Amino acid sequence: MKAISLLSLALLASCATVQVRTAAAPGAQFSALHTFIVMATPNRHNGGEGDQFNNIDPMLQNSITYRALHNDLVSNFQERGYVIDSVKPDFAVAAYATARQRLNVTDYDYGYPYWRHGWWGPVVPAITEYTEGTVVVDVINPTTKELLWRGQGIASVSDDPQTYSKEIARTVAKIIDRFPEAGGAQRG
């Protein structure tokens, strides 16, 4: 029973983490950036199999969730010292979110049968299904449309709309925390 409790805690802890990756364009100068604007989410279209927008999360398509994402982006960039400016921004921000079902297969097969519930038998893998969500935040030069910086956060997400919104907010915060502060200062 203790092993099951530890496994449950490990699974819950893994669900609570956000994996973040970022990349900056070579030669990008962030110290000159002070103002920004958040761009509208691109329209969903029904392209082919390889269409990058096929997996856009349907929850993001409703205006309530999009407004929450927009507000999360604005508040997180403002916390880093940037000011919103819809007239002449130094950079533009675009965000995309996707969700897809994933399987986590755990198999501890060490090559021998094990004792389980009164019989010897083969190792049976534990299969857990969960929804993985990805949020991508792009920082773009508004004049040249050149990508300056990209942050990506991956986390398990809930089907419950309120929990889902909180998870997106947490993911956005973790991503934006990796973006340089206004004026070029870098947080540890």
Foldseek 3Di string as FASTA:
>chain_A
DVVVVVVVVVVVVQQPDKDKDKDFDPPFDQLPFAEEEEDDADDQDDDDPPDPRPFFDPLCVDPVLVVLLRVLLQVLLVVLRHHYDPPDGQKYKYKTKGKDKDKDKAWPFPPAWDDDPHDTDGTDIDIDIFMKMKMKMFIAGPPVRHTGMIMMIIHTADPDSVRRSVSSSVRSNVRSLQPHGHNRHHDD
